[in-house]
Amino acid sequence: MRFRNTLILALLLLGLGAYLYFVESKQIAEEAKKTKLVDFNPDDVTALTLTYPDREIALEKSDGAWRLSKPLQTAADDITVKNLLRAIADAEVKKTIDEPPQDLAPFGLAPPEVVVKIATKDTTLPDLKVGKTTSVSFSTYVQRGDQGKIYLTPSAFRSGMDKQVKDLRDKKIVDFKEDDITRVALRGPDGDVIVAKADGNWMIEQPTSLRADGNAVRTLLSTVRNMRATEFASDAPSDADLVNYGLQDPQRQLVLTAANGAETRVLVGKETDQGLYLKAGDRPTAFIVGKWASRDLSKGVNDLRDKTVLSFDPGAATAVDVTRSDGGHFTLQSKDGKWSIADSDQAVDDGAVMAYVGTLSHLSGAQVLGDATDLETYGLANPTLNIAVKGKDGVLIGAVRAGSRSGNTPPGTQYTIKREDNPTIFEIRDFQFKQLDKKPAEFIPAPPPPPGAAGLPLGGDEEGEGDAEE
């Protein structure tokens, strides 16, 4: 009986396998063979024309790059053009009307809403006449130039073919390699800020000699290189246009100089509801970019200067002395790699101490507030915290004072910090201040839970507690 059941089960499995092979695999193969509207390799295309009732857009590929040839001669956005070609190549036929009526107007094909012409390096493909989209099946009517039948494709095909010149042209403002830039000049109404790279490090040269924040400079360069136009104000602006755009005599300019002396210049114009007007120094086109660019292109010396408060090797610290404005004082000290709290016999959590030392070892401000001797203004005359880090033989590595004041922009508490041997005052984030604002108890491990807590047994065996009553 067992053998018979096994044999029946085996036959059922064989039957299921045969069904999957002959039926399901056939369906999968048919799915893979879905009819395409037109068959071509997008990489082989050398020309593309979109003809609408009111305009014509022509593109050509030269030396591997796409360019607009109508209605103007300019660089095209390679990614956008490639996506457009891929959408055409991937368009599938949902249904066909093999014998369409004489009147094609109801299909939006007399005249077509757009005619797509594609040429490859070997041949010219049949025109694609694109009509309207149905409101029921959400399909687009398309007719090939070499056939009379009408094809129905997904509605996304029609919307994908609806392009304006601005959609297809290159929106890049300037082009340069960030690593090639060795000098950045920001010229504005408050004076020039100039930073230069020497031995791989950025330094502020003007208005005064200061260490620069390398990350801030690199972020600025990346922002400028990646700026893209949201609109094209004019490709041939008149003098009156430039005055209207604030580009005839711009209040702000950004000049990037490469190691070979080549300059990339950006002129910054007016900010309107549309955005910010920009112009590359060597191009006639006036661009509009998002208003956010105004903030990034108006950096001052405090935005670009180094914001390091403390920087040292955490392993070099042997003591951290903390004095609090609430009267508290404690010293974390390390001996033979073991941390403790001075004048205390309580064990400390080495991980918590090392995290605290680590925070101090790479402490940076969020922004520079200024170089001031009036510490009262910044809440640092009587700071919340005085912290001193010492190394071998008690040598001072660095000392800071941290406090707070009421801020106005935005309203609320602003946390401030200053290194004792440096006049510069920084703002730090609230989470940074909380990382520094510690008491001794926060370095002491929590005691284990008492018996009975968290479901722990109080005693006795698993079946019951104490002795059984006789």
Protein backbone atom coordinates (compact mmCIF):
# COMPACT_ATOMS: atom_id res chain seq x y z
CA MET A 1 0.00 0.00 0.00
CA ARG A 2 2.82 2.40 0.90
CA PHE A 3 4.60 1.71 -2.41
CA ARG A 4 1.36 2.32 -4.33
CA ASN A 5 0.82 5.69 -2.64
CA THR A 6 4.40 6.69 -3.35
CA LEU A 7 3.99 5.77 -7.02
CA ILE A 8 0.77 7.82 -7.31
CA LEU A 9 2.47 10.81 -5.68
CA ALA A 10 5.41 10.52 -8.08
CA LEU A 11 3.06 10.42 -11.09
CA LEU A 12 1.23 13.50 -9.82
CA LEU A 13 4.53 15.37 -9.46
CA LEU A 14 5.56 14.35 -12.97
CA GLY A 15 2.24 15.58 -14.30
CA LEU A 16 2.60 18.91 -12.51
CA GLY A 17 6.13 19.28 -13.87
CA ALA A 18 4.94 18.55 -17.40
CA TYR A 19 2.16 21.14 -17.05
CA LEU A 20 4.59 23.77 -15.83
CA TYR A 21 6.97 22.99 -18.66
CA PHE A 22 4.51 22.86 -21.55
CA VAL A 23 1.91 25.39 -20.41
CA GLU A 24 3.46 27.85 -17.98
CA SER A 25 6.80 28.03 -19.78
CA LYS A 26 4.96 28.64 -23.05
CA GLN A 27 3.05 31.51 -21.46
CA ILE A 28 6.27 32.96 -20.09
CA ALA A 29 7.86 32.72 -23.52
CA GLU A 30 4.84 34.44 -25.07
CA GLU A 31 5.08 37.21 -22.50
CA ALA A 32 8.72 37.69 -23.46
CA LYS A 33 7.66 38.02 -27.11
CA LYS A 34 5.23 40.90 -26.58
CA THR A 35 4.91 42.93 -29.77
CA LYS A 36 6.91 46.12 -29.79
CA LEU A 37 5.66 49.20 -31.58
CA VAL A 38 8.95 49.54 -33.40
CA ASP A 39 12.12 47.48 -33.13
CA PHE A 40 15.47 49.26 -32.76
CA ASN A 41 18.45 49.65 -30.46
CA PRO A 42 18.41 53.09 -28.76
CA ASP A 43 22.23 53.17 -28.78
CA ASP A 44 22.19 53.03 -32.62
CA VAL A 45 20.03 56.15 -33.02
CA THR A 46 21.78 59.13 -34.61
CA ALA A 47 18.85 61.53 -35.12
CA LEU A 48 15.45 62.15 -33.56
CA THR A 49 12.76 64.60 -34.62
CA LEU A 50 9.52 65.43 -32.82
CA THR A 51 7.04 67.35 -34.99
CA TYR A 52 4.03 68.97 -33.30
CA PRO A 53 1.31 71.14 -34.86
CA ASP A 54 3.03 74.25 -33.47
CA ARG A 55 6.70 73.33 -33.28
CA GLU A 56 9.49 71.00 -34.34
CA ILE A 57 12.31 69.72 -32.18
CA ALA A 58 15.27 68.06 -33.88
CA LEU A 59 18.19 66.33 -32.17
CA GLU A 60 21.39 64.85 -33.56
CA LYS A 61 24.12 62.75 -31.99
CA SER A 62 27.69 63.79 -32.66
CA ASP A 63 30.81 62.24 -31.13
CA GLY A 64 28.59 60.30 -28.73
CA ALA A 65 26.80 63.40 -27.37
CA TRP A 66 23.31 64.66 -28.17
CA ARG A 67 22.70 68.19 -29.45
CA LEU A 68 19.60 70.14 -30.38
CA SER A 69 19.64 71.33 -34.00
CA LYS A 70 16.10 72.82 -34.09
CA PRO A 71 14.75 75.27 -33.07
CA LEU A 72 18.18 76.26 -31.75
CA GLN A 73 21.70 74.91 -31.78
CA THR A 74 22.73 73.91 -28.27
CA ALA A 75 23.73 70.94 -26.13
CA ALA A 76 21.00 68.48 -25.19
CA ASP A 77 20.56 66.60 -21.94
CA ASP A 78 21.97 63.16 -22.77
CA ILE A 79 20.07 61.34 -20.01
CA THR A 80 16.71 62.86 -21.00
CA VAL A 81 17.20 62.01 -24.68
CA LYS A 82 18.28 58.45 -23.88
CA ASN A 83 15.26 57.98 -21.62
CA LEU A 84 13.01 59.24 -24.42
CA LEU A 85 14.50 56.77 -26.91
CA ARG A 86 14.21 53.95 -24.41
CA ALA A 87 10.53 54.77 -23.87
CA ILE A 88 9.94 54.52 -27.65
CA ALA A 89 11.90 51.27 -27.95
CA ASP A 90 10.04 49.71 -25.00
CA ALA A 91 6.55 50.75 -26.14
CA GLU A 92 4.36 47.63 -26.37
CA VAL A 93 1.29 47.00 -28.48
CA LYS A 94 -1.79 46.32 -26.37
CA LYS A 95 -4.18 45.92 -29.28
CA THR A 96 -4.49 46.66 -33.01
CA ILE A 97 -7.26 48.00 -35.22
CA ASP A 98 -6.43 46.30 -38.48
CA GLU A 99 -9.12 48.06 -40.55
CA PRO A 100 -9.41 51.62 -39.25
CA PRO A 101 -12.12 53.95 -40.60
CA GLN A 102 -11.38 56.55 -43.26
CA ASP A 103 -11.80 59.38 -40.75
CA LEU A 104 -8.81 59.30 -38.41
CA ALA A 105 -9.71 62.54 -36.61
CA PRO A 106 -11.50 60.74 -33.73
CA PHE A 107 -8.24 58.93 -33.03
CA GLY A 108 -6.26 62.19 -32.89
CA LEU A 109 -4.37 61.12 -36.02
CA ALA A 110 -5.66 63.63 -38.57
CA PRO A 111 -3.49 65.47 -37.95
CA PRO A 112 -1.35 63.57 -35.40
CA GLU A 113 -0.60 65.23 -32.11
CA VAL A 114 3.09 64.45 -32.66
CA VAL A 115 5.11 62.65 -35.35
CA VAL A 116 8.26 60.86 -34.19
CA LYS A 117 11.04 60.32 -36.72
CA ILE A 118 14.01 58.13 -35.81
CA ALA A 119 17.15 57.50 -37.83
CA THR A 120 19.87 55.00 -36.90
CA LYS A 121 23.35 54.65 -38.33
CA ASP A 122 22.02 52.05 -40.77
CA THR A 123 18.45 53.03 -41.62
CA THR A 124 15.52 55.38 -41.15
CA LEU A 125 12.65 53.86 -39.20
CA PRO A 126 9.00 54.38 -40.14
CA ASP A 127 7.40 57.52 -38.73
CA LEU A 128 5.32 57.09 -35.61
CA LYS A 129 2.14 59.18 -35.69
CA VAL A 130 0.89 59.62 -32.15
CA GLY A 131 -2.75 60.37 -31.49
CA LYS A 132 -4.92 60.94 -28.47
CA THR A 133 -5.34 58.83 -25.35
CA THR A 134 -8.61 57.03 -24.65
CA SER A 135 -10.46 57.85 -21.45
CA VAL A 136 -11.66 54.28 -20.91
CA SER A 137 -8.76 51.91 -21.49
CA PHE A 138 -6.11 54.62 -21.04
CA SER A 139 -4.43 53.66 -24.29
CA THR A 140 -2.73 55.88 -26.86
CA TYR A 141 -3.47 55.53 -30.59
CA VAL A 142 -0.36 55.23 -32.77
CA GLN A 143 -0.03 54.69 -36.50
CA ARG A 144 3.18 53.69 -38.23
CA GLY A 145 4.09 55.47 -41.44
CA ASP A 146 4.53 52.20 -43.30
CA GLN A 147 1.20 50.65 -42.24
CA GLY A 148 -2.49 51.54 -42.23
CA LYS A 149 -3.46 49.78 -39.02
CA ILE A 150 -3.77 51.59 -35.72
CA TYR A 151 -1.93 50.40 -32.63
CA LEU A 152 -2.95 50.94 -29.03
CA THR A 153 -0.08 51.47 -26.59
CA PRO A 154 -0.07 52.36 -22.87
CA SER A 155 -1.10 55.95 -22.20
CA ALA A 156 2.32 56.76 -20.75
CA PHE A 157 3.66 56.71 -24.30
CA ARG A 158 1.69 59.81 -25.28
CA SER A 159 2.70 61.80 -22.21
CA GLY A 160 6.31 60.71 -22.71
CA MET A 161 6.34 62.17 -26.23
CA ASP A 162 5.02 65.56 -25.08
CA LYS A 163 8.25 67.55 -24.92
CA GLN A 164 9.24 71.20 -24.94
CA VAL A 165 12.67 72.41 -25.97
CA LYS A 166 13.54 73.19 -22.37
CA ASP A 167 12.81 69.57 -21.43
CA LEU A 168 15.47 68.25 -23.81
CA ARG A 169 18.23 70.82 -23.65
CA ASP A 170 21.19 70.64 -21.31
CA LYS A 171 20.38 72.48 -18.09
CA LYS A 172 23.93 72.57 -16.77
CA ILE A 173 25.16 76.08 -15.92
CA VAL A 174 28.91 75.46 -15.79
CA ASP A 175 31.16 72.46 -16.30
CA PHE A 176 34.39 71.81 -14.42
CA LYS A 177 36.16 69.15 -12.39
CA GLU A 178 36.10 69.87 -8.68
CA ASP A 179 39.57 68.41 -8.08
CA ASP A 180 41.05 70.81 -10.67
CA ILE A 181 39.98 73.94 -8.77
CA THR A 182 42.70 75.55 -6.66
CA ARG A 183 41.20 78.98 -6.00
CA VAL A 184 37.68 80.22 -5.24
CA ALA A 185 36.74 83.90 -5.15
CA LEU A 186 33.31 85.05 -3.93
CA ARG A 187 32.80 88.70 -4.78
CA GLY A 188 29.88 90.45 -3.12
CA PRO A 189 28.66 93.76 -1.73
CA ASP A 190 30.35 93.03 1.62
CA GLY A 191 33.76 92.47 0.01
CA ASP A 192 35.65 89.55 -1.45
CA VAL A 193 36.24 86.19 0.16
CA ILE A 194 39.08 84.24 -1.45
CA VAL A 195 40.12 80.70 -0.57
CA ALA A 196 43.03 78.82 -2.12
CA LYS A 197 44.31 75.27 -1.94
CA ALA A 198 47.91 74.65 -0.88
CA ASP A 199 49.39 71.19 -0.25
CA GLY A 200 45.90 69.72 -0.42
CA ASN A 201 44.47 72.02 2.28
CA TRP A 202 42.15 74.98 1.81
CA MET A 203 43.11 78.33 3.35
CA ILE A 204 41.26 81.64 3.42
CA GLU A 205 43.47 84.37 1.93
CA GLN A 206 41.03 87.28 2.01
CA PRO A 207 39.77 89.21 3.96
CA THR A 208 42.27 87.71 6.40
CA SER A 209 44.45 84.63 6.64
CA LEU A 210 42.51 81.78 8.27
CA ARG A 211 42.20 78.02 8.02
CA ALA A 212 39.25 77.09 5.80
CA ASP A 213 36.72 74.35 6.34
CA GLY A 214 37.61 71.90 3.57
CA ASN A 215 34.19 70.27 3.68
CA ALA A 216 32.44 73.63 3.31
CA VAL A 217 34.59 74.55 0.28
CA ARG A 218 34.03 71.16 -1.36
CA THR A 219 30.28 71.44 -0.73
CA LEU A 220 30.27 74.86 -2.40
CA LEU A 221 32.11 73.51 -5.46
CA SER A 222 29.79 70.52 -5.68
CA THR A 223 26.74 72.79 -5.43
CA VAL A 224 27.96 75.02 -8.27
CA ARG A 225 28.92 72.09 -10.53
CA ASN A 226 25.55 70.36 -10.00
CA MET A 227 23.36 73.44 -10.45
CA ARG A 228 20.72 72.92 -13.13
CA ALA A 229 18.45 75.49 -14.74
CA THR A 230 14.76 75.38 -13.95
CA GLU A 231 14.06 77.85 -16.77
CA PHE A 232 15.95 79.58 -19.58
CA ALA A 233 15.38 83.32 -19.29
CA SER A 234 16.96 84.16 -22.66
CA ASP A 235 19.51 82.69 -25.08
CA ALA A 236 20.36 86.12 -26.49
CA PRO A 237 19.56 88.65 -23.78
CA SER A 238 19.72 92.32 -24.70
CA ASP A 239 21.37 94.91 -22.48
CA ALA A 240 17.90 95.80 -21.19
CA ASP A 241 17.27 92.14 -20.38
CA LEU A 242 20.54 91.87 -18.48
CA VAL A 243 19.66 94.97 -16.46
CA ASN A 244 16.23 93.49 -15.72
CA TYR A 245 17.83 90.20 -14.65
CA GLY A 246 20.40 91.97 -12.46
CA LEU A 247 23.21 90.56 -14.62
CA GLN A 248 24.47 93.72 -16.35
CA ASP A 249 26.45 94.76 -13.28
CA PRO A 250 25.90 91.83 -10.88
CA GLN A 251 26.38 92.41 -7.19
CA ARG A 252 27.75 88.90 -6.75
CA GLN A 253 30.20 86.85 -8.76
CA LEU A 254 31.83 83.49 -8.20
CA VAL A 255 35.18 82.86 -9.90
CA LEU A 256 36.73 79.39 -9.85
CA THR A 257 40.33 79.06 -11.00
CA ALA A 258 41.90 75.75 -12.02
CA ALA A 259 45.56 74.80 -11.65
CA ASN A 260 46.17 75.59 -15.34
CA GLY A 261 44.76 79.10 -14.88
CA ALA A 262 41.41 78.41 -16.58
CA GLU A 263 38.56 80.38 -15.01
CA THR A 264 34.92 79.43 -14.53
CA ARG A 265 32.83 82.49 -13.78
CA VAL A 266 29.25 82.62 -12.50
CA LEU A 267 27.35 85.92 -12.43
CA VAL A 268 24.57 86.09 -9.84
CA GLY A 269 21.59 88.32 -10.60
CA LYS A 270 18.24 89.16 -9.04
CA GLU A 271 16.08 86.80 -7.04
CA THR A 272 12.41 86.79 -8.01
CA ASP A 273 9.41 84.56 -7.38
CA GLN A 274 10.57 82.45 -10.34
CA GLY A 275 14.01 81.89 -8.87
CA LEU A 276 17.52 83.29 -9.12
CA TYR A 277 18.97 84.64 -12.37
CA LEU A 278 22.43 83.30 -13.27
CA LYS A 279 24.79 83.58 -16.20
CA ALA A 280 28.02 81.76 -16.96
CA GLY A 281 30.69 84.29 -17.87
CA ASP A 282 31.52 82.71 -21.25
CA ARG A 283 27.95 81.93 -22.39
CA PRO A 284 25.20 84.30 -23.60
CA THR A 285 22.34 82.33 -22.03
CA ALA A 286 20.65 83.72 -18.93
CA PHE A 287 19.41 80.94 -16.65
CA ILE A 288 16.95 80.72 -13.77
CA VAL A 289 17.69 78.34 -10.89
CA GLY A 290 15.92 77.58 -7.64
CA LYS A 291 15.98 80.31 -5.00
CA TRP A 292 17.93 77.99 -2.69
CA ALA A 293 21.03 78.75 -4.79
CA SER A 294 21.05 82.32 -3.47
CA ARG A 295 22.08 81.06 -0.03
CA ASP A 296 24.79 78.78 -1.38
CA LEU A 297 26.30 81.45 -3.64
CA SER A 298 26.46 84.14 -0.95
CA LYS A 299 28.78 82.41 1.50
CA GLY A 300 30.76 84.67 3.78
CA VAL A 301 34.08 84.20 5.48
CA ASN A 302 32.46 82.69 8.58
CA ASP A 303 30.69 80.09 6.44
CA LEU A 304 33.94 78.91 4.89
CA ARG A 305 36.38 79.13 7.77
CA ASP A 306 37.49 76.12 9.79
CA LYS A 307 35.02 75.20 12.54
CA THR A 308 37.23 72.84 14.54
CA VAL A 309 36.96 73.47 18.28
CA LEU A 310 39.05 70.56 19.57
CA SER A 311 40.94 67.86 17.70
CA PHE A 312 43.24 65.31 19.32
CA ASP A 313 44.00 61.60 19.53
CA PRO A 314 41.52 60.11 22.05
CA GLY A 315 44.20 57.68 23.19
CA ALA A 316 46.40 60.60 24.30
CA ALA A 317 43.91 61.82 26.92
CA THR A 318 44.67 60.83 30.52
CA ALA A 319 42.30 63.20 32.34
CA VAL A 320 39.15 65.21 31.68
CA ASP A 321 38.30 67.89 34.22
CA VAL A 322 34.68 69.12 34.21
CA THR A 323 33.41 72.13 36.18
CA ARG A 324 29.70 72.88 36.05
CA SER A 325 27.86 76.15 36.71
CA ASP A 326 25.59 74.31 39.17
CA GLY A 327 28.60 73.85 41.45
CA GLY A 328 29.41 70.33 40.39
CA HIS A 329 32.98 69.29 39.64
CA PHE A 330 34.56 65.96 38.75
CA THR A 331 37.61 64.57 37.02
CA LEU A 332 37.76 61.50 34.83
CA GLN A 333 41.23 60.01 34.98
CA SER A 334 42.98 57.17 33.23
CA LYS A 335 45.73 55.00 34.70
CA ASP A 336 47.18 52.07 32.79
CA GLY A 337 44.27 52.37 30.35
CA LYS A 338 41.67 52.08 33.12
CA TRP A 339 39.30 55.01 33.69
CA SER A 340 37.95 56.12 37.05
CA ILE A 341 36.44 59.16 38.74
CA ALA A 342 38.93 60.97 40.96
CA ASP A 343 38.21 60.70 44.70
CA SER A 344 35.60 58.01 44.10
CA ASP A 345 35.77 54.26 44.64
CA GLN A 346 32.84 53.56 42.30
CA ALA A 347 33.60 51.69 39.09
CA VAL A 348 32.94 53.54 35.85
CA ASP A 349 31.63 52.44 32.47
CA ASP A 350 34.72 52.59 30.24
CA GLY A 351 32.52 52.71 27.14
CA ALA A 352 30.66 55.79 28.40
CA VAL A 353 33.93 57.54 29.25
CA MET A 354 35.52 56.73 25.89
CA ALA A 355 32.41 57.99 24.09
CA TYR A 356 32.72 61.27 26.01
CA VAL A 357 36.44 61.58 25.21
CA GLY A 358 35.65 60.71 21.58
CA THR A 359 33.11 63.53 21.37
CA LEU A 360 35.68 65.98 22.71
CA SER A 361 38.40 64.71 20.36
CA HIS A 362 36.57 65.73 17.18
CA LEU A 363 34.49 68.64 18.40
CA SER A 364 33.38 71.05 15.69
CA GLY A 365 31.01 74.00 15.64
CA ALA A 366 27.94 74.19 13.43
CA GLN A 367 28.79 77.77 12.48
CA VAL A 368 31.12 80.58 13.44
CA LEU A 369 29.43 83.31 15.46
CA GLY A 370 32.44 85.60 15.49
CA ASP A 371 35.66 86.51 17.23
CA ALA A 372 34.60 88.24 20.42
CA THR A 373 35.95 89.34 23.77
CA ASP A 374 32.45 90.11 25.08
CA LEU A 375 31.77 86.63 26.44
CA GLU A 376 28.66 87.77 28.28
CA THR A 377 26.83 88.29 24.99
CA TYR A 378 27.34 84.62 24.08
CA GLY A 379 26.58 83.16 27.51
CA LEU A 380 30.22 82.27 28.06
CA ALA A 381 31.27 84.71 30.82
CA ASN A 382 29.85 82.25 33.36
CA PRO A 383 29.54 79.15 31.18
CA THR A 384 27.48 76.07 31.92
CA LEU A 385 30.57 73.92 31.42
CA ASN A 386 34.31 74.33 31.68
CA ILE A 387 36.09 71.25 30.30
CA ALA A 388 39.85 70.68 30.24
CA VAL A 389 41.50 67.68 28.57
CA LYS A 390 44.99 66.70 29.74
CA GLY A 391 47.54 64.26 28.47
CA LYS A 392 50.72 62.64 29.75
CA ASP A 393 52.26 64.33 32.81
CA GLY A 394 49.22 66.60 33.08
CA VAL A 395 50.06 68.56 29.93
CA LEU A 396 47.00 70.48 28.74
CA ILE A 397 45.68 69.24 25.39
CA GLY A 398 42.81 71.72 25.19
CA ALA A 399 40.17 73.47 27.25
CA VAL A 400 36.72 74.75 26.27
CA ARG A 401 33.84 76.60 27.82
CA ALA A 402 30.28 75.91 26.70
CA GLY A 403 27.11 77.85 27.44
CA SER A 404 23.91 79.12 25.95
CA ARG A 405 21.97 82.25 25.18
CA SER A 406 18.51 83.13 23.96
CA GLY A 407 18.50 83.21 20.18
CA ASN A 408 16.39 85.42 17.99
CA THR A 409 16.78 83.74 14.58
CA PRO A 410 15.08 81.39 15.12
CA PRO A 411 13.82 82.07 18.63
CA GLY A 412 14.96 79.62 21.27
CA THR A 413 18.14 78.52 22.96
CA GLN A 414 21.41 78.84 21.09
CA TYR A 415 24.30 76.76 22.44
CA THR A 416 27.74 78.28 22.22
CA ILE A 417 31.30 77.08 22.71
CA LYS A 418 34.78 78.54 22.71
CA ARG A 419 38.26 77.15 23.07
CA GLU A 420 40.11 78.93 25.87
CA ASP A 421 43.16 79.79 23.77
CA ASN A 422 41.15 80.95 20.74
CA PRO A 423 38.87 84.02 20.50
CA THR A 424 36.51 82.36 18.01
CA ILE A 425 33.02 81.56 19.30
CA PHE A 426 30.98 78.83 17.64
CA GLU A 427 27.41 77.68 17.73
CA ILE A 428 26.94 73.98 18.44
CA ARG A 429 23.83 71.87 17.97
CA ASP A 430 21.69 70.97 20.95
CA PHE A 431 22.62 67.28 20.64
CA GLN A 432 26.31 68.23 20.80
CA PHE A 433 25.73 70.23 23.95
CA LYS A 434 23.86 67.30 25.52
CA GLN A 435 26.80 65.04 24.71
CA LEU A 436 29.07 67.40 26.70
CA ASP A 437 26.66 68.21 29.54
CA LYS A 438 27.38 65.20 31.78
CA LYS A 439 27.34 64.47 35.51
CA PRO A 440 29.44 61.81 37.32
CA ALA A 441 26.47 59.46 37.75
CA GLU A 442 26.20 59.15 33.94
CA PHE A 443 29.58 57.39 33.85
CA ILE A 444 28.70 54.85 36.55
CA PRO A 445 27.10 51.57 35.41
CA ALA A 446 23.53 51.00 36.51
CA PRO A 447 23.24 48.48 39.37
CA PRO A 448 21.84 45.04 38.53
CA PRO A 449 18.08 44.66 39.08
CA PRO A 450 17.07 43.38 42.51
CA PRO A 451 15.70 39.83 42.86
CA GLY A 452 12.15 39.62 41.59
CA ALA A 453 12.56 42.43 39.07
CA ALA A 454 11.97 41.77 35.38
CA GLY A 455 10.47 38.34 36.12
CA LEU A 456 13.51 36.94 37.96
CA PRO A 457 12.62 34.16 40.49
CA LEU A 458 12.86 34.92 44.16
CA GLY A 459 13.93 31.37 45.07
CA GLY A 460 12.53 27.83 45.40
CA ASP A 461 12.10 25.30 42.64
CA GLU A 462 10.23 25.56 39.31
CA GLU A 463 7.14 23.81 40.63
CA GLY A 464 6.62 25.98 43.72
CA GLU A 465 8.30 28.04 46.40
CA GLY A 466 9.58 26.77 49.77
CA ASP A 467 8.79 23.41 51.32
CA ALA A 468 5.58 21.56 50.62
CA GLU A 469 3.17 21.43 53.54
CA GLU A 470 3.03 17.98 55.07
